[in-house]
Amino acid sequence: MADEVKLHGNGLSPFSCRVVWALKLKGIPYEFVQENLPHKSALLLHYNPVYETIPVLVHAGKPICDSMIILHYIDETWPENPLLPSDPFERATARFWIKFIEDKSPVLWGVFLADGEDDREKARKATLEVLQTLEERAFGDEKFFGGDEINMVDLAYGMLARWMPVIEEVVGVKLLDPDMFPRLHALAENFRQAAVIRDNLPDHDQMVPLFKIRREQLLQIAGK
């Protein structure tokens, strides 16, 4: 079909879920192709030979790679129910905070990859600094990260709603403390409870043992 949409991703990936949420918010029918990351499919390698990563959106046979690039593509291709504000200043502000979380993503995953008490503590402090910046400077009093309605900012920050609690349990640290970060915690909870998000989130209890295994694998690869 000329307008066929397929998403190559993994149901446990926050980057894949970003795209799922966008497609659901837009009401776009699609086929989800589950990728086994240790054993990437020939199609995935064909569609993304440069980075060999998920997610990859294939629209009318044409691949689009990188989760945020995909979100912009979706918003431009299907402009109904826009994911960015129409006001130029508000749109620029949204893009600023999207870029911030993209730049800080390695920091937020640092605790997950840290081994040993000293490394974990350094990673924890670095994560708390990022969360403190967000708590104090990023968001107003609206219901969601991006305002009164879910938009692209929320999709970018979705990892705070599900993946950060999983990281906390797997590693045994507290990061998104409601006493330290009441606004961030409330925004994450509001986002998690929105129907389109809640119905398309991986299950926390299923994620924890899988992420424990994945963490051990990554630490072994790193030689730690």
N, C-alpha and C. Protein backbone atom coordinates (compact mmCIF):
# COMPACT_ATOMS: atom_id res chain seq x y z
N MET A 1 0.84 -1.21 0.00
CA MET A 1 0.00 0.00 0.00
C MET A 1 0.87 1.25 0.00
N ALA A 2 0.39 2.28 -0.71
CA ALA A 2 1.19 3.49 -0.88
C ALA A 2 1.46 4.19 0.44
N ASP A 3 0.48 4.17 1.36
CA ASP A 3 0.64 4.89 2.63
C ASP A 3 0.88 3.95 3.80
N GLU A 4 1.33 2.73 3.54
CA GLU A 4 1.55 1.77 4.61
C GLU A 4 2.60 2.29 5.58
N VAL A 5 2.31 2.12 6.87
CA VAL A 5 3.21 2.58 7.93
C VAL A 5 3.63 1.38 8.77
N LYS A 6 4.92 1.19 8.90
CA LYS A 6 5.47 0.15 9.77
C LYS A 6 6.47 0.78 10.72
N LEU A 7 6.49 0.29 11.94
CA LEU A 7 7.44 0.77 12.93
C LEU A 7 8.29 -0.41 13.40
N HIS A 8 9.57 -0.35 13.10
CA HIS A 8 10.53 -1.33 13.61
C HIS A 8 11.04 -0.81 14.95
N GLY A 9 10.78 -1.56 16.01
CA GLY A 9 11.18 -1.10 17.33
C GLY A 9 11.18 -2.24 18.32
N ASN A 10 11.26 -1.88 19.59
CA ASN A 10 11.20 -2.84 20.68
C ASN A 10 10.26 -2.29 21.73
N GLY A 11 9.34 -3.12 22.19
CA GLY A 11 8.31 -2.66 23.11
C GLY A 11 8.82 -2.16 24.44
N LEU A 12 10.07 -2.48 24.79
CA LEU A 12 10.63 -2.02 26.06
C LEU A 12 11.48 -0.76 25.90
N SER A 13 11.60 -0.28 24.70
CA SER A 13 12.45 0.89 24.43
C SER A 13 11.66 2.19 24.57
N PRO A 14 12.15 3.14 25.37
CA PRO A 14 11.46 4.43 25.46
C PRO A 14 11.46 5.18 24.14
N PHE A 15 12.47 4.93 23.32
CA PHE A 15 12.56 5.62 22.04
C PHE A 15 11.53 5.07 21.05
N SER A 16 11.30 3.76 21.09
CA SER A 16 10.24 3.17 20.28
C SER A 16 8.87 3.63 20.78
N CYS A 17 8.70 3.66 22.10
CA CYS A 17 7.41 4.05 22.66
C CYS A 17 7.06 5.48 22.32
N ARG A 18 8.05 6.36 22.23
CA ARG A 18 7.78 7.73 21.79
C ARG A 18 7.00 7.74 20.47
N VAL A 19 7.45 6.91 19.56
CA VAL A 19 6.84 6.87 18.23
C VAL A 19 5.45 6.24 18.30
N VAL A 20 5.32 5.17 19.09
CA VAL A 20 4.01 4.53 19.27
C VAL A 20 3.01 5.56 19.78
N TRP A 21 3.40 6.32 20.81
CA TRP A 21 2.50 7.32 21.39
C TRP A 21 2.09 8.36 20.35
N ALA A 22 3.06 8.81 19.55
CA ALA A 22 2.76 9.81 18.53
C ALA A 22 1.76 9.26 17.51
N LEU A 23 1.98 8.04 17.06
CA LEU A 23 1.07 7.44 16.09
C LEU A 23 -0.33 7.27 16.69
N LYS A 24 -0.39 6.89 17.95
CA LYS A 24 -1.68 6.73 18.61
C LYS A 24 -2.39 8.08 18.77
N LEU A 25 -1.64 9.10 19.17
CA LEU A 25 -2.23 10.42 19.33
C LEU A 25 -2.77 10.96 18.00
N LYS A 26 -2.10 10.62 16.93
CA LYS A 26 -2.51 11.07 15.60
C LYS A 26 -3.59 10.18 14.98
N GLY A 27 -3.81 9.01 15.57
CA GLY A 27 -4.79 8.08 15.00
C GLY A 27 -4.33 7.44 13.70
N ILE A 28 -3.02 7.20 13.58
CA ILE A 28 -2.45 6.65 12.35
C ILE A 28 -2.33 5.13 12.48
N PRO A 29 -2.97 4.37 11.61
CA PRO A 29 -2.80 2.90 11.65
C PRO A 29 -1.37 2.53 11.27
N TYR A 30 -0.84 1.52 11.93
CA TYR A 30 0.53 1.10 11.65
C TYR A 30 0.71 -0.35 12.06
N GLU A 31 1.77 -0.94 11.54
CA GLU A 31 2.17 -2.29 11.94
C GLU A 31 3.45 -2.19 12.75
N PHE A 32 3.46 -2.82 13.92
CA PHE A 32 4.65 -2.80 14.77
C PHE A 32 5.48 -4.05 14.50
N VAL A 33 6.74 -3.87 14.16
CA VAL A 33 7.65 -4.98 13.90
C VAL A 33 8.63 -5.06 15.07
N GLN A 34 8.46 -6.06 15.91
CA GLN A 34 9.30 -6.22 17.10
C GLN A 34 10.71 -6.66 16.70
N GLU A 35 11.69 -5.89 17.16
CA GLU A 35 13.08 -6.20 16.87
C GLU A 35 13.76 -6.78 18.11
N ASN A 36 14.49 -7.86 17.91
CA ASN A 36 15.31 -8.46 18.96
C ASN A 36 16.69 -7.82 18.87
N LEU A 37 16.99 -6.93 19.81
CA LEU A 37 18.17 -6.08 19.66
C LEU A 37 19.50 -6.84 19.58
N PRO A 38 19.68 -7.91 20.34
CA PRO A 38 20.95 -8.63 20.16
C PRO A 38 21.06 -9.32 18.79
N HIS A 39 19.91 -9.54 18.15
CA HIS A 39 19.91 -10.22 16.84
C HIS A 39 19.05 -9.41 15.88
N LYS A 40 19.60 -8.31 15.41
CA LYS A 40 18.84 -7.37 14.59
C LYS A 40 18.47 -8.00 13.25
N SER A 41 17.26 -7.69 12.81
CA SER A 41 16.77 -8.27 11.57
C SER A 41 17.49 -7.69 10.36
N ALA A 42 17.46 -8.44 9.28
CA ALA A 42 18.07 -7.96 8.04
C ALA A 42 17.37 -6.71 7.55
N LEU A 43 16.05 -6.63 7.77
CA LEU A 43 15.31 -5.45 7.35
C LEU A 43 15.74 -4.21 8.12
N LEU A 44 15.94 -4.36 9.43
CA LEU A 44 16.40 -3.21 10.23
C LEU A 44 17.75 -2.73 9.73
N LEU A 45 18.67 -3.65 9.48
CA LEU A 45 19.99 -3.27 9.00
C LEU A 45 19.92 -2.66 7.61
N HIS A 46 18.93 -3.09 6.83
CA HIS A 46 18.74 -2.52 5.51
C HIS A 46 18.21 -1.09 5.61
N TYR A 47 17.26 -0.87 6.51
CA TYR A 47 16.62 0.44 6.62
C TYR A 47 17.50 1.45 7.37
N ASN A 48 18.32 0.97 8.29
CA ASN A 48 19.19 1.87 9.05
C ASN A 48 20.62 1.34 9.07
N PRO A 49 21.29 1.34 7.91
CA PRO A 49 22.64 0.77 7.84
C PRO A 49 23.71 1.62 8.52
N VAL A 50 23.39 2.89 8.79
CA VAL A 50 24.38 3.79 9.38
C VAL A 50 24.54 3.53 10.87
N TYR A 51 23.41 3.55 11.61
CA TYR A 51 23.47 3.37 13.06
C TYR A 51 23.01 1.99 13.52
N GLU A 52 22.23 1.31 12.67
CA GLU A 52 21.73 -0.02 12.99
C GLU A 52 20.94 -0.03 14.30
N THR A 53 20.14 1.02 14.51
CA THR A 53 19.40 1.17 15.76
C THR A 53 17.91 1.32 15.49
N ILE A 54 17.13 1.11 16.54
CA ILE A 54 15.70 1.37 16.53
C ILE A 54 15.48 2.73 17.19
N PRO A 55 14.31 3.32 16.93
CA PRO A 55 13.25 2.88 16.04
C PRO A 55 13.50 3.33 14.59
N VAL A 56 12.82 2.64 13.69
CA VAL A 56 12.79 3.05 12.28
C VAL A 56 11.34 3.03 11.83
N LEU A 57 10.87 4.16 11.36
CA LEU A 57 9.53 4.24 10.79
C LEU A 57 9.65 4.08 9.28
N VAL A 58 8.87 3.17 8.72
CA VAL A 58 8.87 2.96 7.28
C VAL A 58 7.51 3.41 6.75
N HIS A 59 7.52 4.48 5.98
CA HIS A 59 6.28 5.04 5.43
C HIS A 59 6.35 4.98 3.91
N ALA A 60 5.41 4.24 3.34
CA ALA A 60 5.37 4.06 1.88
C ALA A 60 6.71 3.54 1.36
N GLY A 61 7.34 2.66 2.16
CA GLY A 61 8.59 2.05 1.75
C GLY A 61 9.83 2.87 2.04
N LYS A 62 9.66 4.07 2.60
CA LYS A 62 10.81 4.94 2.86
C LYS A 62 11.11 4.97 4.36
N PRO A 63 12.36 4.69 4.75
CA PRO A 63 12.69 4.64 6.17
C PRO A 63 13.06 6.00 6.74
N ILE A 64 12.59 6.25 7.97
CA ILE A 64 12.97 7.44 8.74
C ILE A 64 13.53 6.94 10.06
N CYS A 65 14.71 7.41 10.43
CA CYS A 65 15.41 6.90 11.61
C CYS A 65 15.53 8.00 12.67
N ASP A 66 15.76 7.57 13.90
CA ASP A 66 15.93 8.41 15.09
C ASP A 66 14.57 8.86 15.60
N SER A 67 14.30 8.60 16.87
CA SER A 67 12.96 8.79 17.41
C SER A 67 12.46 10.23 17.29
N MET A 68 13.31 11.22 17.60
CA MET A 68 12.83 12.60 17.53
C MET A 68 12.65 13.05 16.09
N ILE A 69 13.51 12.62 15.21
CA ILE A 69 13.33 12.94 13.79
C ILE A 69 12.03 12.33 13.29
N ILE A 70 11.75 11.11 13.74
CA ILE A 70 10.50 10.45 13.36
C ILE A 70 9.29 11.25 13.86
N LEU A 71 9.35 11.75 15.10
CA LEU A 71 8.23 12.52 15.63
C LEU A 71 7.97 13.77 14.80
N HIS A 72 9.03 14.46 14.41
CA HIS A 72 8.86 15.65 13.56
C HIS A 72 8.28 15.24 12.20
N TYR A 73 8.74 14.13 11.66
CA TYR A 73 8.22 13.66 10.38
C TYR A 73 6.72 13.36 10.48
N ILE A 74 6.34 12.67 11.54
CA ILE A 74 4.93 12.35 11.75
C ILE A 74 4.10 13.63 11.83
N ASP A 75 4.60 14.61 12.58
CA ASP A 75 3.84 15.85 12.78
C ASP A 75 3.70 16.64 11.48
N GLU A 76 4.72 16.58 10.66
CA GLU A 76 4.67 17.32 9.39
C GLU A 76 3.86 16.57 8.33
N THR A 77 3.89 15.26 8.37
CA THR A 77 3.18 14.46 7.37
C THR A 77 1.69 14.37 7.66
N TRP A 78 1.35 14.28 8.95
CA TRP A 78 -0.05 14.22 9.37
C TRP A 78 -0.29 15.39 10.33
N PRO A 79 -0.59 16.58 9.81
CA PRO A 79 -0.64 17.79 10.65
C PRO A 79 -1.83 17.86 11.61
N GLU A 80 -2.83 16.99 11.43
CA GLU A 80 -3.95 17.00 12.37
C GLU A 80 -3.45 16.63 13.77
N ASN A 81 -4.09 17.20 14.80
CA ASN A 81 -3.67 16.97 16.19
C ASN A 81 -2.17 17.25 16.34
N PRO A 82 -1.76 18.50 16.12
CA PRO A 82 -0.32 18.82 16.11
C PRO A 82 0.37 18.50 17.43
N LEU A 83 1.62 18.09 17.32
CA LEU A 83 2.43 17.72 18.48
C LEU A 83 3.28 18.88 18.99
N LEU A 84 3.32 20.00 18.26
CA LEU A 84 4.05 21.19 18.68
C LEU A 84 3.10 22.38 18.68
N PRO A 85 3.35 23.37 19.56
CA PRO A 85 2.48 24.56 19.58
C PRO A 85 2.57 25.33 18.27
N SER A 86 1.49 26.05 17.97
CA SER A 86 1.48 26.86 16.75
C SER A 86 2.22 28.18 16.93
N ASP A 87 2.25 28.70 18.15
CA ASP A 87 2.94 29.96 18.42
C ASP A 87 4.45 29.75 18.26
N PRO A 88 5.13 30.62 17.49
CA PRO A 88 6.57 30.43 17.23
C PRO A 88 7.42 30.40 18.50
N PHE A 89 7.14 31.28 19.48
CA PHE A 89 7.93 31.28 20.70
C PHE A 89 7.70 30.00 21.50
N GLU A 90 6.43 29.62 21.64
CA GLU A 90 6.14 28.39 22.39
C GLU A 90 6.73 27.17 21.70
N ARG A 91 6.72 27.17 20.37
CA ARG A 91 7.30 26.05 19.63
C ARG A 91 8.81 26.00 19.83
N ALA A 92 9.45 27.18 19.80
CA ALA A 92 10.90 27.23 20.03
C ALA A 92 11.24 26.78 21.44
N THR A 93 10.42 27.17 22.42
CA THR A 93 10.65 26.75 23.80
C THR A 93 10.51 25.23 23.94
N ALA A 94 9.50 24.68 23.28
CA ALA A 94 9.32 23.22 23.31
C ALA A 94 10.53 22.53 22.72
N ARG A 95 11.03 23.03 21.62
CA ARG A 95 12.20 22.43 20.99
C ARG A 95 13.44 22.55 21.86
N PHE A 96 13.54 23.65 22.60
CA PHE A 96 14.68 23.84 23.51
C PHE A 96 14.70 22.73 24.57
N TRP A 97 13.54 22.48 25.20
CA TRP A 97 13.51 21.48 26.27
C TRP A 97 13.58 20.06 25.73
N ILE A 98 13.14 19.86 24.50
CA ILE A 98 13.34 18.56 23.85
C ILE A 98 14.84 18.33 23.64
N LYS A 99 15.52 19.35 23.15
CA LYS A 99 16.97 19.21 22.94
C LYS A 99 17.69 18.98 24.27
N PHE A 100 17.23 19.64 25.33
CA PHE A 100 17.85 19.47 26.64
C PHE A 100 17.80 18.01 27.08
N ILE A 101 16.62 17.38 26.98
CA ILE A 101 16.52 16.00 27.45
C ILE A 101 17.27 15.05 26.53
N GLU A 102 17.34 15.39 25.24
CA GLU A 102 18.13 14.56 24.33
C GLU A 102 19.61 14.64 24.70
N ASP A 103 20.09 15.85 25.00
CA ASP A 103 21.49 16.03 25.38
C ASP A 103 21.82 15.34 26.70
N LYS A 104 20.85 15.34 27.62
CA LYS A 104 21.08 14.80 28.96
C LYS A 104 20.70 13.33 29.09
N SER A 105 20.22 12.73 28.03
CA SER A 105 19.81 11.33 28.10
C SER A 105 20.92 10.41 28.61
N PRO A 106 22.17 10.56 28.15
CA PRO A 106 23.24 9.69 28.69
C PRO A 106 23.43 9.84 30.19
N VAL A 107 23.18 11.04 30.71
CA VAL A 107 23.30 11.26 32.16
C VAL A 107 22.20 10.50 32.89
N LEU A 108 20.98 10.57 32.37
CA LEU A 108 19.85 9.92 33.04
C LEU A 108 19.98 8.40 33.03
N TRP A 109 20.68 7.86 32.02
CA TRP A 109 20.90 6.41 31.97
C TRP A 109 22.21 6.02 32.67
N GLY A 110 22.95 7.02 33.16
CA GLY A 110 24.26 6.73 33.75
C GLY A 110 24.19 5.82 34.96
N VAL A 111 23.19 6.01 35.80
CA VAL A 111 23.05 5.17 37.00
C VAL A 111 22.86 3.71 36.61
N PHE A 112 22.10 3.50 35.56
CA PHE A 112 21.82 2.14 35.10
C PHE A 112 23.10 1.42 34.68
N LEU A 113 24.05 2.16 34.14
CA LEU A 113 25.28 1.57 33.61
C LEU A 113 26.44 1.64 34.59
N ALA A 114 26.23 2.31 35.72
CA ALA A 114 27.32 2.45 36.69
C ALA A 114 27.48 1.18 37.52
N ASP A 115 28.73 0.86 37.83
CA ASP A 115 29.01 -0.33 38.64
C ASP A 115 29.94 0.08 39.76
N GLY A 116 29.68 -0.39 40.96
CA GLY A 116 30.48 0.00 42.11
C GLY A 116 29.86 1.20 42.79
N GLU A 117 30.07 1.28 44.10
CA GLU A 117 29.41 2.32 44.90
C GLU A 117 29.82 3.72 44.48
N ASP A 118 31.10 3.93 44.20
CA ASP A 118 31.57 5.27 43.83
C ASP A 118 30.97 5.72 42.51
N ASP A 119 30.98 4.84 41.51
CA ASP A 119 30.42 5.19 40.20
C ASP A 119 28.92 5.45 40.29
N ARG A 120 28.24 4.64 41.07
CA ARG A 120 26.79 4.84 41.22
C ARG A 120 26.48 6.17 41.88
N GLU A 121 27.26 6.52 42.89
CA GLU A 121 27.01 7.78 43.58
C GLU A 121 27.28 8.98 42.68
N LYS A 122 28.34 8.92 41.89
CA LYS A 122 28.62 9.99 40.94
C LYS A 122 27.50 10.11 39.91
N ALA A 123 27.04 8.98 39.42
CA ALA A 123 25.97 8.98 38.43
C ALA A 123 24.67 9.48 39.04
N ARG A 124 24.43 9.09 40.28
CA ARG A 124 23.21 9.54 40.96
C ARG A 124 23.21 11.05 41.11
N LYS A 125 24.32 11.61 41.55
CA LYS A 125 24.41 13.06 41.73
C LYS A 125 24.23 13.80 40.41
N ALA A 126 24.81 13.26 39.35
CA ALA A 126 24.67 13.89 38.04
C ALA A 126 23.21 13.87 37.58
N THR A 127 22.52 12.77 37.84
CA THR A 127 21.10 12.68 37.48
C THR A 127 20.28 13.66 38.28
N LEU A 128 20.56 13.77 39.57
CA LEU A 128 19.80 14.68 40.43
C LEU A 128 19.99 16.13 39.97
N GLU A 129 21.17 16.48 39.49
CA GLU A 129 21.40 17.83 38.99
C GLU A 129 20.52 18.13 37.78
N VAL A 130 20.39 17.16 36.89
CA VAL A 130 19.52 17.34 35.72
C VAL A 130 18.07 17.48 36.17
N LEU A 131 17.63 16.61 37.06
CA LEU A 131 16.26 16.68 37.55
C LEU A 131 15.98 17.99 38.28
N GLN A 132 16.97 18.50 39.00
CA GLN A 132 16.80 19.78 39.71
C GLN A 132 16.63 20.93 38.72
N THR A 133 17.40 20.90 37.66
CA THR A 133 17.25 21.92 36.62
C THR A 133 15.84 21.89 36.03
N LEU A 134 15.35 20.70 35.74
CA LEU A 134 14.01 20.56 35.19
C LEU A 134 12.95 21.02 36.20
N GLU A 135 13.13 20.64 37.44
CA GLU A 135 12.17 21.01 38.47
C GLU A 135 12.06 22.53 38.61
N GLU A 136 13.19 23.22 38.56
CA GLU A 136 13.21 24.65 38.85
C GLU A 136 12.95 25.51 37.62
N ARG A 137 13.32 25.03 36.42
CA ARG A 137 13.34 25.93 35.28
C ARG A 137 12.49 25.51 34.08
N ALA A 138 12.12 24.25 34.01
CA ALA A 138 11.60 23.77 32.73
C ALA A 138 10.10 23.95 32.56
N PHE A 139 9.30 23.65 33.57
CA PHE A 139 7.88 23.50 33.35
C PHE A 139 7.08 24.40 34.29
N GLY A 140 5.90 24.80 33.80
CA GLY A 140 5.01 25.63 34.60
C GLY A 140 4.06 24.80 35.43
N ASP A 141 2.86 25.30 35.59
CA ASP A 141 1.87 24.63 36.43
C ASP A 141 0.84 23.86 35.62
N GLU A 142 1.14 23.61 34.35
CA GLU A 142 0.20 22.86 33.51
C GLU A 142 0.16 21.39 33.92
N LYS A 143 -0.77 20.67 33.34
CA LYS A 143 -0.98 19.27 33.70
C LYS A 143 0.13 18.36 33.19
N PHE A 144 0.67 18.71 31.99
CA PHE A 144 1.67 17.85 31.36
C PHE A 144 2.97 18.62 31.14
N PHE A 145 4.00 17.89 30.76
CA PHE A 145 5.30 18.51 30.52
C PHE A 145 5.19 19.63 29.48
N GLY A 146 4.39 19.40 28.44
CA GLY A 146 4.30 20.36 27.34
C GLY A 146 3.16 21.34 27.46
N GLY A 147 2.36 21.26 28.51
CA GLY A 147 1.24 22.20 28.66
C GLY A 147 -0.01 21.49 29.13
N ASP A 148 -1.16 22.00 28.69
CA ASP A 148 -2.43 21.44 29.13
C ASP A 148 -2.80 20.15 28.39
N GLU A 149 -2.19 19.93 27.24
CA GLU A 149 -2.41 18.73 26.46
C GLU A 149 -1.06 18.06 26.18
N ILE A 150 -1.08 16.74 26.02
CA ILE A 150 0.14 16.02 25.70
C ILE A 150 0.65 16.47 24.34
N ASN A 151 1.94 16.79 24.28
CA ASN A 151 2.55 17.14 23.00
C ASN A 151 3.93 16.50 22.89
N MET A 152 4.74 16.99 21.97
CA MET A 152 6.02 16.35 21.70
C MET A 152 6.98 16.42 22.89
N VAL A 153 6.86 17.46 23.69
CA VAL A 153 7.71 17.56 24.88
C VAL A 153 7.44 16.38 25.81
N ASP A 154 6.17 16.06 26.00
CA ASP A 154 5.82 14.91 26.84
C ASP A 154 6.39 13.61 26.31
N LEU A 155 6.32 13.43 24.99
CA LEU A 155 6.83 12.20 24.40
C LEU A 155 8.34 12.10 24.60
N ALA A 156 9.03 13.25 24.55
CA ALA A 156 10.47 13.26 24.77
C ALA A 156 10.82 12.90 26.21
N TYR A 157 9.98 13.33 27.15
CA TYR A 157 10.26 13.12 28.57
C TYR A 157 9.58 11.88 29.14
N GLY A 158 9.02 11.06 28.27
CA GLY A 158 8.27 9.89 28.72
C GLY A 158 9.08 8.91 29.55
N MET A 159 10.39 8.89 29.37
CA MET A 159 11.20 7.92 30.13
C MET A 159 11.10 8.17 31.63
N LEU A 160 10.79 9.40 32.04
CA LEU A 160 10.66 9.68 33.47
C LEU A 160 9.46 8.96 34.07
N ALA A 161 8.47 8.66 33.24
CA ALA A 161 7.22 8.09 33.75
C ALA A 161 7.29 6.59 33.97
N ARG A 162 8.10 5.87 33.22
CA ARG A 162 8.16 4.42 33.36
C ARG A 162 9.59 3.91 33.54
N TRP A 163 10.52 4.39 32.73
CA TRP A 163 11.85 3.81 32.73
C TRP A 163 12.67 4.25 33.94
N MET A 164 12.48 5.48 34.41
CA MET A 164 13.23 5.88 35.59
C MET A 164 12.83 5.08 36.82
N PRO A 165 11.54 4.82 37.09
CA PRO A 165 11.20 3.94 38.21
C PRO A 165 11.80 2.54 38.07
N VAL A 166 11.89 2.04 36.86
CA VAL A 166 12.51 0.73 36.64
C VAL A 166 13.99 0.79 36.97
N ILE A 167 14.67 1.83 36.50
CA ILE A 167 16.09 2.01 36.82
C ILE A 167 16.29 2.07 38.33
N GLU A 168 15.42 2.81 39.02
CA GLU A 168 15.54 2.94 40.47
C GLU A 168 15.47 1.56 41.14
N GLU A 169 14.55 0.73 40.71
CA GLU A 169 14.38 -0.58 41.33
C GLU A 169 15.52 -1.52 40.97
N VAL A 170 15.97 -1.49 39.73
CA VAL A 170 17.04 -2.38 39.29
C VAL A 170 18.34 -2.05 40.00
N VAL A 171 18.65 -0.77 40.13
CA VAL A 171 19.94 -0.36 40.68
C VAL A 171 19.87 -0.19 42.20
N GLY A 172 18.69 0.10 42.72
CA GLY A 172 18.55 0.30 44.15
C GLY A 172 18.87 1.70 44.60
N VAL A 173 18.47 2.70 43.81
CA VAL A 173 18.66 4.10 44.17
C VAL A 173 17.34 4.84 43.99
N LYS A 174 17.19 5.98 44.67
CA LYS A 174 16.01 6.81 44.50
C LYS A 174 16.43 8.06 43.74
N LEU A 175 15.71 8.34 42.67
CA LEU A 175 16.05 9.47 41.81
C LEU A 175 14.90 10.49 41.77
N LEU A 176 13.76 10.08 41.23
CA LEU A 176 12.64 11.00 41.08
C LEU A 176 11.81 11.00 42.36
N ASP A 177 12.42 11.55 43.41
CA ASP A 177 11.79 11.59 44.73
C ASP A 177 10.69 12.65 44.74
N PRO A 178 9.46 12.28 45.12
CA PRO A 178 8.37 13.26 45.12
C PRO A 178 8.59 14.41 46.09
N ASP A 179 9.38 14.19 47.15
CA ASP A 179 9.67 15.28 48.09
C ASP A 179 10.69 16.26 47.53
N MET A 180 11.64 15.76 46.78
CA MET A 180 12.66 16.61 46.17
C MET A 180 12.17 17.28 44.89
N PHE A 181 11.36 16.53 44.12
CA PHE A 181 10.93 17.00 42.81
C PHE A 181 9.41 16.85 42.67
N PRO A 182 8.64 17.60 43.46
CA PRO A 182 7.18 17.41 43.46
C PRO A 182 6.54 17.73 42.11
N ARG A 183 7.02 18.74 41.41
CA ARG A 183 6.41 19.09 40.13
C ARG A 183 6.71 18.03 39.08
N LEU A 184 7.97 17.63 39.00
CA LEU A 184 8.36 16.59 38.03
C LEU A 184 7.61 15.29 38.30
N HIS A 185 7.53 14.93 39.56
CA HIS A 185 6.86 13.68 39.93
C HIS A 185 5.39 13.74 39.53
N ALA A 186 4.73 14.88 39.77
CA ALA A 186 3.32 15.03 39.41
C ALA A 186 3.12 14.99 37.89
N LEU A 187 4.02 15.65 37.16
CA LEU A 187 3.93 15.64 35.70
C LEU A 187 4.10 14.23 35.14
N ALA A 188 5.06 13.49 35.69
CA ALA A 188 5.28 12.12 35.25
C ALA A 188 4.06 11.26 35.53
N GLU A 189 3.45 11.46 36.69
CA GLU A 189 2.26 10.67 37.05
C GLU A 189 1.09 11.03 36.14
N ASN A 190 0.89 12.31 35.87
CA ASN A 190 -0.20 12.73 34.97
C ASN A 190 -0.01 12.12 33.58
N PHE A 191 1.22 12.15 33.12
CA PHE A 191 1.52 11.59 31.80
C PHE A 191 1.25 10.10 31.79
N ARG A 192 1.69 9.40 32.83
CA ARG A 192 1.53 7.95 32.90
C ARG A 192 0.06 7.55 32.94
N GLN A 193 -0.79 8.39 33.51
CA GLN A 193 -2.20 8.05 33.68
C GLN A 193 -3.07 8.46 32.49
N ALA A 194 -2.53 9.23 31.56
CA ALA A 194 -3.30 9.58 30.36
C ALA A 194 -3.60 8.30 29.57
N ALA A 195 -4.83 8.15 29.11
CA ALA A 195 -5.29 6.88 28.54
C ALA A 195 -4.40 6.39 27.41
N VAL A 196 -4.06 7.26 26.47
CA VAL A 196 -3.28 6.82 25.31
C VAL A 196 -1.88 6.38 25.72
N ILE A 197 -1.38 6.94 26.80
CA ILE A 197 -0.06 6.54 27.31
C ILE A 197 -0.18 5.27 28.13
N ARG A 198 -1.12 5.28 29.07
CA ARG A 198 -1.31 4.12 29.97
C ARG A 198 -1.55 2.84 29.19
N ASP A 199 -2.29 2.93 28.11
CA ASP A 199 -2.61 1.74 27.32
C ASP A 199 -1.45 1.28 26.43
N ASN A 200 -0.40 2.07 26.38
CA ASN A 200 0.73 1.74 25.50
C ASN A 200 2.07 1.87 26.23
N LEU A 201 2.05 1.50 27.51
CA LEU A 201 3.27 1.45 28.32
C LEU A 201 3.64 0.01 28.59
N PRO A 202 4.93 -0.32 28.54
CA PRO A 202 5.33 -1.66 28.97
C PRO A 202 5.08 -1.82 30.47
N ASP A 203 4.85 -3.04 30.89
CA ASP A 203 4.52 -3.33 32.28
C ASP A 203 5.76 -3.25 33.16
N HIS A 204 5.65 -2.50 34.25
CA HIS A 204 6.79 -2.28 35.15
C HIS A 204 7.34 -3.60 35.69
N ASP A 205 6.46 -4.47 36.17
CA ASP A 205 6.92 -5.71 36.79
C ASP A 205 7.58 -6.66 35.79
N GLN A 206 7.18 -6.58 34.54
CA GLN A 206 7.82 -7.39 33.52
C GLN A 206 9.16 -6.79 33.10
N MET A 207 9.26 -5.47 33.19
CA MET A 207 10.49 -4.80 32.77
C MET A 207 11.65 -5.05 33.73
N VAL A 208 11.36 -5.06 35.03
CA VAL A 208 12.43 -5.10 36.03
C VAL A 208 13.38 -6.28 35.84
N PRO A 209 12.90 -7.54 35.78
CA PRO A 209 13.84 -8.65 35.61
C PRO A 209 14.58 -8.60 34.28
N LEU A 210 13.92 -8.13 33.23
CA LEU A 210 14.57 -8.04 31.92
C LEU A 210 15.66 -6.97 31.93
N PHE A 211 15.40 -5.87 32.61
CA PHE A 211 16.40 -4.80 32.68
C PHE A 211 17.56 -5.21 33.59
N LYS A 212 17.31 -6.04 34.59
CA LYS A 212 18.41 -6.56 35.41
C LYS A 212 19.35 -7.39 34.55
N ILE A 213 18.77 -8.24 33.73
CA ILE A 213 19.59 -9.08 32.84
C ILE A 213 20.36 -8.21 31.86
N ARG A 214 19.66 -7.24 31.29
CA ARG A 214 20.30 -6.37 30.29
C ARG A 214 21.44 -5.57 30.92
N ARG A 215 21.25 -5.12 32.14
CA ARG A 215 22.30 -4.35 32.83
C ARG A 215 23.54 -5.23 33.04
N GLU A 216 23.33 -6.46 33.47
CA GLU A 216 24.45 -7.38 33.67
C GLU A 216 25.19 -7.62 32.36
N GLN A 217 24.44 -7.76 31.27
CA GLN A 217 25.08 -7.97 29.97
C GLN A 217 25.93 -6.77 29.57
N LEU A 218 25.39 -5.57 29.76
CA LEU A 218 26.11 -4.36 29.37
C LEU A 218 27.36 -4.15 30.23
N LEU A 219 27.27 -4.47 31.51
CA LEU A 219 28.43 -4.33 32.38
C LEU A 219 29.52 -5.34 32.01
N GLN A 220 29.10 -6.54 31.61
CA GLN A 220 30.08 -7.54 31.17
C GLN A 220 30.77 -7.09 29.89
N ILE A 221 29.99 -6.52 28.97
CA ILE A 221 30.56 -6.02 27.72
C ILE A 221 31.57 -4.91 28.00
N ALA A 222 31.22 -4.06 28.99
CA ALA A 222 32.11 -2.95 29.33
C ALA A 222 33.34 -3.42 30.11
N GLY A 223 33.35 -4.70 30.49
CA GLY A 223 34.51 -5.24 31.20
C GLY A 223 34.55 -4.88 32.66
N LYS A 224 33.37 -4.61 33.22
CA LYS A 224 33.35 -4.22 34.63
C LYS A 224 32.98 -5.42 35.50
